[in-house]
Amino acid sequence: NPIPNVTDPADQSMCVGTATSVTFASPLNVSGTVYTWTNSLPAIGLPATGTGNISFNAVNNGTTPIVATIVVTPTFTNAGVSCSGPAKTYTITVNPGAQVNQPTSQVVCNGDATTAITFTTNNGGGSTIYSWTNSNPGIGLAATGTGGIASFTVSNNGTSPVVATIVVTPTFTNGGAGCPGSTKTFTITVNPTAQVIQPANVDVCNGQLTTVTYATVNTGGTTT
């Protein structure tokens, strides 16, 4: 009987939830070769042992990449005699889903500067980038961007508060696999400059009662 062998599978890096498969092959074309394998980390969603090709959905319930070492052994059987060939080893790395911590919403007066926004994550073992969109560029912030948001001077030339909704999307990258995650949403509210309508001058005699009522064109809040 011939000694079978198996082509060394390539290492894989993938995102959690990704469907993956590995088809084993014999470079010597030894027909009837059976491939048995072991998996060092069933937590990726693959059993600890198996026979034949591999197909599964990757699992990672943590915040850092996890790595499973797969050892596959080829066996050829004929006339009751089984011959095993050299084993091959490769790895499957499963990245966690990207994650960004909830940013804090801000309320700022027209003409004032915002607090700089630094996005953070609980993920480790790779790099996370943050892309964001802004629903209201009129406040003085671009419609889209990447990375943290530096302090900027807000603008509201109207008479009522304006609200910009910021949606940030994290992407975690490790081993060449970029994995997007769930978005977080927060707001930047810009209040208008306070305003009072010019009161009329009042002429009144000594001892008489007079009243002055102040008013504003501003809405959406309270003016004192």
N, C-alpha and C. Protein backbone atom coordinates (compact mmCIF):
# COMPACT_ATOMS: atom_id res chain seq x y z
N ASN A 1 0.85 -1.19 0.00
CA ASN A 1 0.00 0.00 0.00
C ASN A 1 0.89 1.25 0.00
N PRO A 2 0.42 2.32 -0.65
CA PRO A 2 1.19 3.56 -0.63
C PRO A 2 1.04 4.27 0.71
N ILE A 3 2.03 5.12 1.02
CA ILE A 3 1.93 6.00 2.18
C ILE A 3 1.20 7.26 1.74
N PRO A 4 0.03 7.56 2.31
CA PRO A 4 -0.73 8.74 1.89
C PRO A 4 -0.14 10.02 2.47
N ASN A 5 -0.52 11.09 1.90
CA ASN A 5 -0.16 12.39 2.49
C ASN A 5 -1.32 13.35 2.29
N VAL A 6 -1.15 14.55 2.86
CA VAL A 6 -2.20 15.56 2.77
C VAL A 6 -1.54 16.91 2.52
N THR A 7 -2.13 17.67 1.62
CA THR A 7 -1.63 19.03 1.37
C THR A 7 -1.80 19.87 2.63
N ASP A 8 -0.73 20.60 2.97
CA ASP A 8 -0.76 21.41 4.19
C ASP A 8 -1.77 22.55 4.01
N PRO A 9 -2.88 22.56 4.79
CA PRO A 9 -3.86 23.65 4.64
C PRO A 9 -3.26 24.99 5.09
N ALA A 10 -3.72 26.06 4.48
CA ALA A 10 -3.26 27.39 4.86
C ALA A 10 -3.91 27.82 6.17
N ASP A 11 -3.14 28.56 6.97
CA ASP A 11 -3.71 29.15 8.18
C ASP A 11 -4.83 30.10 7.79
N GLN A 12 -5.82 30.24 8.67
CA GLN A 12 -6.96 31.12 8.40
C GLN A 12 -7.18 32.10 9.55
N SER A 13 -7.55 33.32 9.20
CA SER A 13 -8.02 34.30 10.18
C SER A 13 -9.38 34.79 9.69
N MET A 14 -10.34 34.84 10.60
CA MET A 14 -11.71 35.18 10.19
C MET A 14 -12.45 35.87 11.32
N CYS A 15 -13.59 36.42 10.97
CA CYS A 15 -14.43 37.10 11.95
C CYS A 15 -15.42 36.12 12.58
N VAL A 16 -15.79 36.40 13.81
CA VAL A 16 -16.81 35.61 14.47
C VAL A 16 -18.07 35.61 13.62
N GLY A 17 -18.72 34.44 13.52
CA GLY A 17 -19.93 34.31 12.73
C GLY A 17 -19.71 33.97 11.29
N THR A 18 -18.44 33.96 10.85
CA THR A 18 -18.13 33.66 9.46
C THR A 18 -18.20 32.16 9.20
N ALA A 19 -18.78 31.78 8.08
CA ALA A 19 -18.78 30.37 7.68
C ALA A 19 -17.46 30.05 6.99
N THR A 20 -16.83 28.96 7.38
CA THR A 20 -15.56 28.58 6.77
C THR A 20 -15.55 27.09 6.49
N SER A 21 -14.71 26.68 5.55
CA SER A 21 -14.58 25.26 5.23
C SER A 21 -13.15 24.97 4.81
N VAL A 22 -12.74 23.75 5.02
CA VAL A 22 -11.42 23.27 4.61
C VAL A 22 -11.61 21.94 3.90
N THR A 23 -11.13 21.86 2.67
CA THR A 23 -11.20 20.62 1.90
C THR A 23 -9.80 20.02 1.83
N PHE A 24 -9.65 18.84 2.39
CA PHE A 24 -8.35 18.18 2.40
C PHE A 24 -8.11 17.47 1.07
N ALA A 25 -6.84 17.44 0.67
CA ALA A 25 -6.49 16.83 -0.61
C ALA A 25 -5.16 16.11 -0.49
N SER A 26 -4.96 15.14 -1.36
CA SER A 26 -3.71 14.37 -1.39
C SER A 26 -2.89 14.79 -2.60
N PRO A 27 -1.70 15.37 -2.40
CA PRO A 27 -0.89 15.78 -3.54
C PRO A 27 -0.39 14.59 -4.37
N LEU A 28 -0.40 13.41 -3.78
CA LEU A 28 0.01 12.21 -4.52
C LEU A 28 -1.17 11.52 -5.18
N ASN A 29 -2.35 12.14 -5.04
CA ASN A 29 -3.57 11.59 -5.64
C ASN A 29 -3.83 10.15 -5.21
N VAL A 30 -3.61 9.90 -3.92
CA VAL A 30 -3.87 8.57 -3.39
C VAL A 30 -5.37 8.45 -3.16
N SER A 31 -6.06 7.86 -4.11
CA SER A 31 -7.50 7.75 -4.02
C SER A 31 -7.91 6.90 -2.82
N GLY A 32 -8.97 7.34 -2.11
CA GLY A 32 -9.45 6.59 -0.96
C GLY A 32 -8.82 7.01 0.35
N THR A 33 -7.99 8.06 0.33
CA THR A 33 -7.38 8.54 1.56
C THR A 33 -8.45 9.12 2.49
N VAL A 34 -8.37 8.77 3.76
CA VAL A 34 -9.28 9.29 4.78
C VAL A 34 -8.49 10.25 5.67
N TYR A 35 -9.11 11.39 5.96
CA TYR A 35 -8.43 12.41 6.75
C TYR A 35 -9.10 12.53 8.11
N THR A 36 -8.34 12.28 9.16
CA THR A 36 -8.83 12.48 10.52
C THR A 36 -8.11 13.68 11.10
N TRP A 37 -8.81 14.42 11.95
CA TRP A 37 -8.21 15.64 12.49
C TRP A 37 -8.59 15.85 13.95
N THR A 38 -7.74 16.62 14.61
CA THR A 38 -8.00 17.04 15.99
C THR A 38 -7.97 18.56 16.04
N ASN A 39 -8.74 19.11 16.96
CA ASN A 39 -8.85 20.56 17.13
C ASN A 39 -8.56 20.90 18.59
N SER A 40 -7.56 21.77 18.81
CA SER A 40 -7.13 22.09 20.18
C SER A 40 -8.12 22.99 20.92
N LEU A 41 -9.04 23.64 20.20
CA LEU A 41 -9.92 24.62 20.84
C LEU A 41 -11.35 24.53 20.29
N PRO A 42 -12.15 23.62 20.84
CA PRO A 42 -13.54 23.50 20.36
C PRO A 42 -14.36 24.78 20.52
N ALA A 43 -13.89 25.73 21.34
CA ALA A 43 -14.64 26.97 21.56
C ALA A 43 -14.80 27.79 20.28
N ILE A 44 -14.04 27.48 19.21
CA ILE A 44 -14.22 28.21 17.95
C ILE A 44 -15.45 27.73 17.19
N GLY A 45 -16.11 26.68 17.70
CA GLY A 45 -17.30 26.16 17.04
C GLY A 45 -17.07 24.88 16.28
N LEU A 46 -15.86 24.33 16.38
CA LEU A 46 -15.49 23.09 15.69
C LEU A 46 -15.25 22.00 16.73
N PRO A 47 -15.78 20.78 16.54
CA PRO A 47 -15.55 19.72 17.52
C PRO A 47 -14.07 19.43 17.74
N ALA A 48 -13.78 18.72 18.82
CA ALA A 48 -12.39 18.42 19.16
C ALA A 48 -11.77 17.42 18.19
N THR A 49 -12.59 16.56 17.60
CA THR A 49 -12.07 15.57 16.65
C THR A 49 -13.08 15.39 15.52
N GLY A 50 -12.61 14.85 14.41
CA GLY A 50 -13.51 14.59 13.30
C GLY A 50 -12.80 13.89 12.16
N THR A 51 -13.57 13.54 11.16
CA THR A 51 -13.05 12.87 9.97
C THR A 51 -13.62 13.56 8.74
N GLY A 52 -12.78 13.72 7.73
CA GLY A 52 -13.23 14.34 6.49
C GLY A 52 -13.06 15.84 6.50
N ASN A 53 -13.63 16.46 5.50
CA ASN A 53 -13.50 17.91 5.36
C ASN A 53 -14.18 18.65 6.51
N ILE A 54 -13.79 19.91 6.68
CA ILE A 54 -14.28 20.73 7.79
C ILE A 54 -15.17 21.85 7.25
N SER A 55 -16.31 22.06 7.90
CA SER A 55 -17.18 23.17 7.56
C SER A 55 -17.94 23.58 8.82
N PHE A 56 -17.87 24.88 9.20
CA PHE A 56 -18.54 25.33 10.41
C PHE A 56 -18.61 26.85 10.41
N ASN A 57 -19.41 27.38 11.34
CA ASN A 57 -19.50 28.83 11.57
C ASN A 57 -18.63 29.19 12.76
N ALA A 58 -17.72 30.13 12.57
CA ALA A 58 -16.75 30.48 13.61
C ALA A 58 -17.43 31.14 14.81
N VAL A 59 -16.95 30.79 16.00
CA VAL A 59 -17.50 31.31 17.25
C VAL A 59 -16.36 31.93 18.07
N ASN A 60 -16.65 33.07 18.68
CA ASN A 60 -15.74 33.69 19.64
C ASN A 60 -16.57 34.56 20.56
N ASN A 61 -16.75 34.11 21.79
CA ASN A 61 -17.59 34.84 22.74
C ASN A 61 -16.79 35.81 23.60
N GLY A 62 -15.50 35.96 23.32
CA GLY A 62 -14.66 36.84 24.11
C GLY A 62 -14.41 38.17 23.44
N THR A 63 -13.37 38.87 23.91
CA THR A 63 -13.02 40.19 23.41
C THR A 63 -11.65 40.22 22.73
N THR A 64 -10.98 39.07 22.64
CA THR A 64 -9.68 38.98 21.98
C THR A 64 -9.69 37.80 21.00
N PRO A 65 -8.78 37.79 20.03
CA PRO A 65 -8.73 36.66 19.10
C PRO A 65 -8.42 35.35 19.81
N ILE A 66 -9.02 34.27 19.32
CA ILE A 66 -8.69 32.94 19.84
C ILE A 66 -8.15 32.10 18.68
N VAL A 67 -7.22 31.20 19.02
CA VAL A 67 -6.51 30.44 17.99
C VAL A 67 -6.65 28.95 18.26
N ALA A 68 -7.13 28.22 17.28
CA ALA A 68 -7.24 26.76 17.36
C ALA A 68 -6.19 26.14 16.45
N THR A 69 -5.53 25.12 16.97
CA THR A 69 -4.53 24.38 16.18
C THR A 69 -5.16 23.08 15.69
N ILE A 70 -5.17 22.91 14.37
CA ILE A 70 -5.78 21.73 13.76
C ILE A 70 -4.66 20.83 13.24
N VAL A 71 -4.71 19.56 13.62
CA VAL A 71 -3.74 18.56 13.14
C VAL A 71 -4.51 17.52 12.34
N VAL A 72 -4.16 17.39 11.05
CA VAL A 72 -4.87 16.45 10.18
C VAL A 72 -3.91 15.33 9.77
N THR A 73 -4.43 14.09 9.86
CA THR A 73 -3.62 12.91 9.55
C THR A 73 -4.28 12.11 8.43
N PRO A 74 -3.53 11.80 7.34
CA PRO A 74 -4.10 11.00 6.25
C PRO A 74 -3.89 9.51 6.50
N THR A 75 -4.90 8.72 6.16
CA THR A 75 -4.80 7.26 6.30
C THR A 75 -5.36 6.59 5.05
N PHE A 76 -4.60 5.62 4.54
CA PHE A 76 -5.05 4.84 3.38
C PHE A 76 -5.21 3.39 3.81
N THR A 77 -6.35 2.80 3.47
CA THR A 77 -6.63 1.42 3.87
C THR A 77 -6.90 0.56 2.63
N ASN A 78 -6.25 -0.60 2.57
CA ASN A 78 -6.48 -1.54 1.47
C ASN A 78 -6.19 -2.94 1.97
N ALA A 79 -7.08 -3.88 1.63
CA ALA A 79 -6.90 -5.29 2.00
C ALA A 79 -6.69 -5.45 3.49
N GLY A 80 -7.41 -4.63 4.27
CA GLY A 80 -7.33 -4.76 5.72
C GLY A 80 -6.11 -4.13 6.35
N VAL A 81 -5.29 -3.46 5.56
CA VAL A 81 -4.08 -2.83 6.09
C VAL A 81 -4.22 -1.32 5.96
N SER A 82 -4.08 -0.61 7.10
CA SER A 82 -4.18 0.85 7.12
C SER A 82 -2.80 1.47 7.24
N CYS A 83 -2.53 2.42 6.37
CA CYS A 83 -1.23 3.09 6.36
C CYS A 83 -1.44 4.58 6.61
N SER A 84 -0.82 5.10 7.65
CA SER A 84 -0.94 6.53 7.99
C SER A 84 0.24 7.31 7.43
N GLY A 85 -0.05 8.51 6.97
CA GLY A 85 1.00 9.38 6.45
C GLY A 85 1.32 10.49 7.44
N PRO A 86 2.26 11.36 7.07
CA PRO A 86 2.65 12.45 7.97
C PRO A 86 1.51 13.43 8.18
N ALA A 87 1.36 13.86 9.44
CA ALA A 87 0.31 14.82 9.79
C ALA A 87 0.72 16.23 9.38
N LYS A 88 -0.27 17.07 9.13
CA LYS A 88 -0.04 18.48 8.85
C LYS A 88 -0.80 19.31 9.89
N THR A 89 -0.19 20.45 10.23
CA THR A 89 -0.76 21.32 11.27
C THR A 89 -1.01 22.71 10.71
N TYR A 90 -2.15 23.26 11.02
CA TYR A 90 -2.45 24.64 10.65
C TYR A 90 -3.32 25.25 11.74
N THR A 91 -3.56 26.55 11.64
CA THR A 91 -4.33 27.25 12.68
C THR A 91 -5.54 27.96 12.08
N ILE A 92 -6.56 28.09 12.92
CA ILE A 92 -7.73 28.91 12.59
C ILE A 92 -7.86 29.96 13.70
N THR A 93 -7.73 31.22 13.32
CA THR A 93 -7.87 32.32 14.27
C THR A 93 -9.24 32.96 14.07
N VAL A 94 -9.98 33.08 15.17
CA VAL A 94 -11.31 33.70 15.11
C VAL A 94 -11.26 35.02 15.88
N ASN A 95 -11.45 36.10 15.14
CA ASN A 95 -11.47 37.42 15.78
C ASN A 95 -12.81 37.68 16.44
N PRO A 96 -12.81 38.44 17.53
CA PRO A 96 -14.09 38.81 18.15
C PRO A 96 -14.81 39.84 17.30
N GLY A 97 -16.07 40.03 17.57
CA GLY A 97 -16.80 41.12 16.93
C GLY A 97 -16.26 42.45 17.44
N ALA A 98 -16.15 43.42 16.55
CA ALA A 98 -15.67 44.74 16.97
C ALA A 98 -16.65 45.35 17.97
N GLN A 99 -16.12 46.19 18.86
CA GLN A 99 -16.94 46.77 19.92
C GLN A 99 -16.43 48.17 20.22
N VAL A 100 -17.35 49.09 20.47
CA VAL A 100 -16.99 50.44 20.91
C VAL A 100 -17.84 50.79 22.12
N ASN A 101 -17.20 51.38 23.11
CA ASN A 101 -17.92 51.79 24.31
C ASN A 101 -18.82 52.99 24.00
N GLN A 102 -19.93 53.09 24.72
CA GLN A 102 -20.91 54.14 24.46
C GLN A 102 -20.34 55.53 24.74
N PRO A 103 -20.27 56.41 23.72
CA PRO A 103 -19.83 57.78 23.98
C PRO A 103 -20.92 58.57 24.71
N THR A 104 -20.51 59.62 25.38
CA THR A 104 -21.44 60.46 26.12
C THR A 104 -21.97 61.57 25.23
N SER A 105 -23.26 61.80 25.27
CA SER A 105 -23.85 62.91 24.53
C SER A 105 -23.45 64.24 25.19
N GLN A 106 -23.47 65.31 24.38
CA GLN A 106 -23.06 66.62 24.87
C GLN A 106 -24.12 67.67 24.52
N VAL A 107 -24.23 68.67 25.40
CA VAL A 107 -25.05 69.85 25.13
C VAL A 107 -24.12 71.06 25.25
N VAL A 108 -24.05 71.87 24.18
CA VAL A 108 -23.08 72.96 24.11
C VAL A 108 -23.79 74.22 23.64
N CYS A 109 -23.33 75.38 24.11
CA CYS A 109 -23.89 76.65 23.67
C CYS A 109 -23.25 77.09 22.36
N ASN A 110 -24.00 77.80 21.55
CA ASN A 110 -23.51 78.35 20.29
C ASN A 110 -22.21 79.12 20.53
N GLY A 111 -21.19 78.80 19.73
CA GLY A 111 -19.91 79.50 19.85
C GLY A 111 -18.95 78.89 20.83
N ASP A 112 -19.39 77.92 21.62
CA ASP A 112 -18.49 77.26 22.57
C ASP A 112 -17.82 76.05 21.92
N ALA A 113 -16.83 75.50 22.58
CA ALA A 113 -16.10 74.33 22.08
C ALA A 113 -16.63 73.06 22.74
N THR A 114 -16.71 72.00 21.96
CA THR A 114 -17.12 70.71 22.51
C THR A 114 -15.96 70.08 23.30
N THR A 115 -16.29 69.07 24.06
CA THR A 115 -15.26 68.23 24.67
C THR A 115 -14.79 67.21 23.64
N ALA A 116 -13.49 67.06 23.50
CA ALA A 116 -12.95 66.08 22.54
C ALA A 116 -13.50 64.70 22.84
N ILE A 117 -13.77 63.93 21.79
CA ILE A 117 -14.36 62.60 21.94
C ILE A 117 -13.32 61.57 21.53
N THR A 118 -12.97 60.71 22.46
CA THR A 118 -12.04 59.61 22.20
C THR A 118 -12.80 58.31 22.29
N PHE A 119 -12.86 57.57 21.20
CA PHE A 119 -13.56 56.30 21.21
C PHE A 119 -12.67 55.22 21.83
N THR A 120 -13.29 54.33 22.61
CA THR A 120 -12.55 53.26 23.28
C THR A 120 -13.27 51.92 23.07
N THR A 121 -12.54 50.84 23.31
CA THR A 121 -13.09 49.50 23.14
C THR A 121 -12.56 48.58 24.23
N ASN A 122 -13.30 47.50 24.48
CA ASN A 122 -12.84 46.46 25.40
C ASN A 122 -12.02 45.39 24.68
N ASN A 123 -11.98 45.45 23.35
CA ASN A 123 -11.26 44.44 22.57
C ASN A 123 -9.75 44.61 22.70
N GLY A 124 -9.05 43.48 22.61
CA GLY A 124 -7.59 43.50 22.62
C GLY A 124 -7.06 42.49 21.62
N GLY A 125 -5.74 42.51 21.44
CA GLY A 125 -5.12 41.53 20.56
C GLY A 125 -5.15 41.90 19.10
N GLY A 126 -5.57 43.10 18.78
CA GLY A 126 -5.63 43.57 17.40
C GLY A 126 -5.81 45.07 17.42
N SER A 127 -6.28 45.64 16.35
CA SER A 127 -6.50 47.09 16.30
C SER A 127 -7.95 47.37 15.94
N THR A 128 -8.49 48.43 16.52
CA THR A 128 -9.86 48.84 16.23
C THR A 128 -9.84 50.24 15.65
N ILE A 129 -10.50 50.41 14.52
CA ILE A 129 -10.66 51.73 13.94
C ILE A 129 -12.14 52.12 14.03
N TYR A 130 -12.37 53.42 14.08
CA TYR A 130 -13.73 53.92 14.28
C TYR A 130 -14.09 54.87 13.13
N SER A 131 -15.17 54.58 12.45
CA SER A 131 -15.69 55.51 11.43
C SER A 131 -17.04 56.02 11.93
N TRP A 132 -17.34 57.27 11.59
CA TRP A 132 -18.57 57.86 12.11
C TRP A 132 -19.25 58.73 11.07
N THR A 133 -20.56 58.90 11.27
CA THR A 133 -21.35 59.80 10.44
C THR A 133 -22.04 60.80 11.34
N ASN A 134 -22.29 61.99 10.79
CA ASN A 134 -22.92 63.08 11.52
C ASN A 134 -24.13 63.55 10.73
N SER A 135 -25.29 63.54 11.34
CA SER A 135 -26.54 63.86 10.65
C SER A 135 -26.71 65.36 10.38
N ASN A 136 -25.93 66.20 11.05
CA ASN A 136 -26.14 67.65 10.94
C ASN A 136 -24.81 68.40 10.87
N PRO A 137 -24.19 68.45 9.67
CA PRO A 137 -22.90 69.16 9.54
C PRO A 137 -23.00 70.64 9.88
N GLY A 138 -24.23 71.20 9.92
CA GLY A 138 -24.39 72.61 10.24
C GLY A 138 -23.88 73.01 11.61
N ILE A 139 -23.67 72.04 12.49
CA ILE A 139 -23.15 72.39 13.82
C ILE A 139 -21.66 72.69 13.79
N GLY A 140 -21.00 72.41 12.65
CA GLY A 140 -19.57 72.68 12.56
C GLY A 140 -18.71 71.43 12.51
N LEU A 141 -19.35 70.27 12.38
CA LEU A 141 -18.64 68.99 12.30
C LEU A 141 -18.91 68.36 10.94
N ALA A 142 -17.87 67.76 10.34
CA ALA A 142 -18.02 67.14 9.02
C ALA A 142 -19.09 66.05 9.05
N ALA A 143 -19.59 65.70 7.87
CA ALA A 143 -20.65 64.69 7.77
C ALA A 143 -20.12 63.29 8.06
N THR A 144 -18.85 63.04 7.78
CA THR A 144 -18.25 61.72 8.03
C THR A 144 -16.82 61.91 8.51
N GLY A 145 -16.29 60.87 9.14
CA GLY A 145 -14.91 60.93 9.59
C GLY A 145 -14.45 59.59 10.14
N THR A 146 -13.17 59.52 10.45
CA THR A 146 -12.56 58.31 11.01
C THR A 146 -11.72 58.71 12.22
N GLY A 147 -11.77 57.89 13.26
CA GLY A 147 -11.00 58.17 14.47
C GLY A 147 -11.79 59.04 15.42
N GLY A 148 -11.11 59.50 16.47
CA GLY A 148 -11.77 60.34 17.45
C GLY A 148 -12.19 61.68 16.86
N ILE A 149 -12.99 62.40 17.61
CA ILE A 149 -13.48 63.71 17.18
C ILE A 149 -12.85 64.76 18.08
N ALA A 150 -11.98 65.58 17.47
CA ALA A 150 -11.31 66.63 18.22
C ALA A 150 -12.32 67.70 18.65
N SER A 151 -11.95 68.45 19.67
CA SER A 151 -12.80 69.56 20.10
C SER A 151 -12.99 70.54 18.94
N PHE A 152 -14.21 71.02 18.77
CA PHE A 152 -14.49 72.00 17.72
C PHE A 152 -15.51 73.01 18.24
N THR A 153 -15.54 74.18 17.60
CA THR A 153 -16.47 75.23 17.99
C THR A 153 -17.80 75.02 17.28
N VAL A 154 -18.86 74.93 18.06
CA VAL A 154 -20.18 74.62 17.49
C VAL A 154 -20.86 75.89 16.98
N SER A 155 -21.83 75.69 16.10
CA SER A 155 -22.55 76.80 15.51
C SER A 155 -24.05 76.52 15.51
N ASN A 156 -24.81 77.52 15.93
CA ASN A 156 -26.27 77.49 15.82
C ASN A 156 -26.74 78.93 15.75
N ASN A 157 -27.07 79.38 14.53
CA ASN A 157 -27.51 80.76 14.34
C ASN A 157 -29.03 80.89 14.37
N GLY A 158 -29.71 79.81 14.76
CA GLY A 158 -31.16 79.84 14.83
C GLY A 158 -31.67 80.26 16.19
N THR A 159 -32.92 79.96 16.45
CA THR A 159 -33.56 80.38 17.70
C THR A 159 -33.99 79.20 18.57
N SER A 160 -33.66 78.00 18.14
CA SER A 160 -34.00 76.82 18.92
C SER A 160 -32.83 75.84 18.88
N PRO A 161 -32.76 74.91 19.82
CA PRO A 161 -31.65 73.95 19.83
C PRO A 161 -31.62 73.10 18.56
N VAL A 162 -30.43 72.77 18.09
CA VAL A 162 -30.27 71.84 16.98
C VAL A 162 -29.52 70.62 17.50
N VAL A 163 -29.88 69.46 16.95
CA VAL A 163 -29.32 68.20 17.44
C VAL A 163 -28.65 67.47 16.28
N ALA A 164 -27.40 67.10 16.47
CA ALA A 164 -26.67 66.26 15.52
C ALA A 164 -26.56 64.86 16.10
N THR A 165 -26.94 63.88 15.31
CA THR A 165 -26.85 62.48 15.74
C THR A 165 -25.58 61.87 15.15
N ILE A 166 -24.71 61.38 16.00
CA ILE A 166 -23.45 60.80 15.58
C ILE A 166 -23.55 59.28 15.74
N VAL A 167 -23.26 58.55 14.66
CA VAL A 167 -23.27 57.08 14.69
C VAL A 167 -21.85 56.60 14.42
N VAL A 168 -21.28 55.87 15.37
CA VAL A 168 -19.90 55.40 15.23
C VAL A 168 -19.90 53.88 15.03
N THR A 169 -19.11 53.43 14.04
CA THR A 169 -19.01 52.01 13.71
C THR A 169 -17.57 51.53 13.95
N PRO A 170 -17.38 50.51 14.81
CA PRO A 170 -16.03 49.99 15.04
C PRO A 170 -15.70 48.85 14.08
N THR A 171 -14.43 48.75 13.71
CA THR A 171 -13.94 47.62 12.92
C THR A 171 -12.66 47.09 13.57
N PHE A 172 -12.69 45.80 13.93
CA PHE A 172 -11.54 45.15 14.58
C PHE A 172 -10.76 44.37 13.54
N THR A 173 -9.44 44.56 13.53
CA THR A 173 -8.59 43.90 12.54
C THR A 173 -7.48 43.12 13.22
N ASN A 174 -7.31 41.88 12.77
CA ASN A 174 -6.21 41.03 13.24
C ASN A 174 -6.00 39.94 12.20
N GLY A 175 -4.75 39.67 11.88
CA GLY A 175 -4.45 38.61 10.93
C GLY A 175 -5.01 38.83 9.55
N GLY A 176 -5.20 40.09 9.17
CA GLY A 176 -5.72 40.39 7.84
C GLY A 176 -7.23 40.34 7.73
N ALA A 177 -7.92 40.00 8.81
CA ALA A 177 -9.38 39.94 8.78
C ALA A 177 -9.95 41.15 9.50
N GLY A 178 -10.71 41.99 8.78
CA GLY A 178 -11.36 43.14 9.38
C GLY A 178 -12.80 42.81 9.72
N CYS A 179 -13.16 42.99 10.98
CA CYS A 179 -14.47 42.56 11.47
C CYS A 179 -15.26 43.76 11.99
N PRO A 180 -16.35 44.12 11.32
CA PRO A 180 -17.17 45.23 11.81
C PRO A 180 -17.98 44.80 13.03
N GLY A 181 -18.41 45.77 13.79
CA GLY A 181 -19.20 45.48 14.98
C GLY A 181 -20.42 46.36 15.06
N SER A 182 -21.14 46.25 16.17
CA SER A 182 -22.37 47.01 16.37
C SER A 182 -22.05 48.50 16.56
N THR A 183 -22.93 49.34 16.02
CA THR A 183 -22.74 50.78 16.13
C THR A 183 -23.20 51.30 17.49
N LYS A 184 -22.71 52.48 17.83
CA LYS A 184 -23.20 53.23 18.97
C LYS A 184 -23.64 54.62 18.48
N THR A 185 -24.67 55.15 19.11
CA THR A 185 -25.22 56.43 18.71
C THR A 185 -25.21 57.40 19.89
N PHE A 186 -24.81 58.63 19.63
CA PHE A 186 -24.89 59.67 20.64
C PHE A 186 -25.21 60.99 19.94
N THR A 187 -25.46 62.03 20.71
CA THR A 187 -25.88 63.31 20.13
C THR A 187 -25.01 64.46 20.64
N ILE A 188 -24.94 65.49 19.79
CA ILE A 188 -24.38 66.78 20.19
C ILE A 188 -25.49 67.81 19.97
N THR A 189 -25.97 68.39 21.06
CA THR A 189 -27.03 69.39 21.00
C THR A 189 -26.40 70.78 21.14
N VAL A 190 -26.73 71.65 20.21
CA VAL A 190 -26.20 73.02 20.25
C VAL A 190 -27.35 73.98 20.55
N ASN A 191 -27.29 74.61 21.72
CA ASN A 191 -28.30 75.58 22.10
C ASN A 191 -28.03 76.92 21.41
N PRO A 192 -29.09 77.66 21.08
CA PRO A 192 -28.88 78.97 20.46
C PRO A 192 -28.38 79.98 21.49
N THR A 193 -27.81 81.07 21.00
CA THR A 193 -27.45 82.16 21.89
C THR A 193 -28.72 82.74 22.51
N ALA A 194 -28.67 82.98 23.82
CA ALA A 194 -29.85 83.54 24.48
C ALA A 194 -30.18 84.91 23.90
N GLN A 195 -31.46 85.25 23.90
CA GLN A 195 -31.93 86.49 23.27
C GLN A 195 -33.09 87.06 24.05
N VAL A 196 -33.15 88.39 24.12
CA VAL A 196 -34.29 89.06 24.75
C VAL A 196 -34.77 90.15 23.79
N ILE A 197 -36.07 90.24 23.62
CA ILE A 197 -36.67 91.29 22.79
C ILE A 197 -36.52 92.63 23.51
N GLN A 198 -36.15 93.65 22.76
CA GLN A 198 -35.92 94.97 23.34
C GLN A 198 -37.16 95.48 24.08
N PRO A 199 -37.06 95.68 25.38
CA PRO A 199 -38.22 96.25 26.09
C PRO A 199 -38.40 97.73 25.73
N ALA A 200 -39.62 98.17 25.75
CA ALA A 200 -39.92 99.59 25.51
C ALA A 200 -39.58 100.41 26.75
N ASN A 201 -39.14 101.65 26.54
CA ASN A 201 -38.92 102.54 27.66
C ASN A 201 -40.26 102.84 28.33
N VAL A 202 -40.23 103.08 29.63
CA VAL A 202 -41.45 103.34 30.39
C VAL A 202 -41.31 104.69 31.11
N ASP A 203 -42.29 105.55 30.97
CA ASP A 203 -42.38 106.78 31.76
C ASP A 203 -43.51 106.61 32.76
N VAL A 204 -43.23 106.85 34.01
CA VAL A 204 -44.22 106.58 35.05
C VAL A 204 -44.08 107.65 36.14
N CYS A 205 -45.19 107.97 36.76
CA CYS A 205 -45.18 108.97 37.83
C CYS A 205 -44.75 108.33 39.15
N ASN A 206 -44.20 109.14 40.01
CA ASN A 206 -43.81 108.69 41.34
C ASN A 206 -45.01 108.05 42.03
N GLY A 207 -44.78 106.85 42.55
CA GLY A 207 -45.82 106.18 43.30
C GLY A 207 -46.71 105.29 42.48
N GLN A 208 -46.60 105.37 41.15
CA GLN A 208 -47.45 104.52 40.32
C GLN A 208 -46.82 103.13 40.17
N LEU A 209 -47.68 102.12 39.92
CA LEU A 209 -47.23 100.75 39.72
C LEU A 209 -46.90 100.54 38.24
N THR A 210 -45.78 99.89 37.97
CA THR A 210 -45.43 99.60 36.59
C THR A 210 -44.94 98.15 36.47
N THR A 211 -45.10 97.58 35.30
CA THR A 211 -44.69 96.19 35.05
C THR A 211 -43.91 96.12 33.74
N VAL A 212 -42.82 95.38 33.75
CA VAL A 212 -42.06 95.13 32.52
C VAL A 212 -41.98 93.62 32.33
N THR A 213 -42.46 93.13 31.20
CA THR A 213 -42.42 91.70 30.89
C THR A 213 -41.39 91.47 29.79
N TYR A 214 -40.45 90.60 30.08
CA TYR A 214 -39.41 90.30 29.09
C TYR A 214 -39.86 89.11 28.23
N ALA A 215 -39.43 89.12 26.97
CA ALA A 215 -39.80 88.05 26.04
C ALA A 215 -38.62 87.72 25.15
N THR A 216 -38.67 86.58 24.51
CA THR A 216 -37.60 86.12 23.63
C THR A 216 -38.20 85.42 22.42
N VAL A 217 -37.44 85.40 21.33
CA VAL A 217 -37.86 84.64 20.15
C VAL A 217 -37.38 83.19 20.25
N ASN A 218 -36.53 82.89 21.21
CA ASN A 218 -36.00 81.54 21.36
C ASN A 218 -37.07 80.55 21.81
N THR A 219 -36.97 79.32 21.31
CA THR A 219 -37.89 78.27 21.70
C THR A 219 -37.10 76.99 21.99
N GLY A 220 -37.80 76.02 22.53
CA GLY A 220 -37.18 74.71 22.76
C GLY A 220 -36.43 74.60 24.07
N GLY A 221 -36.50 75.62 24.89
CA GLY A 221 -35.84 75.60 26.20
C GLY A 221 -36.46 76.68 27.07
N THR A 222 -35.75 77.10 28.09
CA THR A 222 -36.25 78.18 28.95
C THR A 222 -35.23 79.32 28.96
N THR A 223 -35.74 80.54 29.03
CA THR A 223 -34.88 81.73 29.12
C THR A 223 -35.21 82.45 30.41
N THR A 224 -34.17 82.77 31.17
CA THR A 224 -34.37 83.54 32.40
C THR A 224 -33.74 84.90 32.22
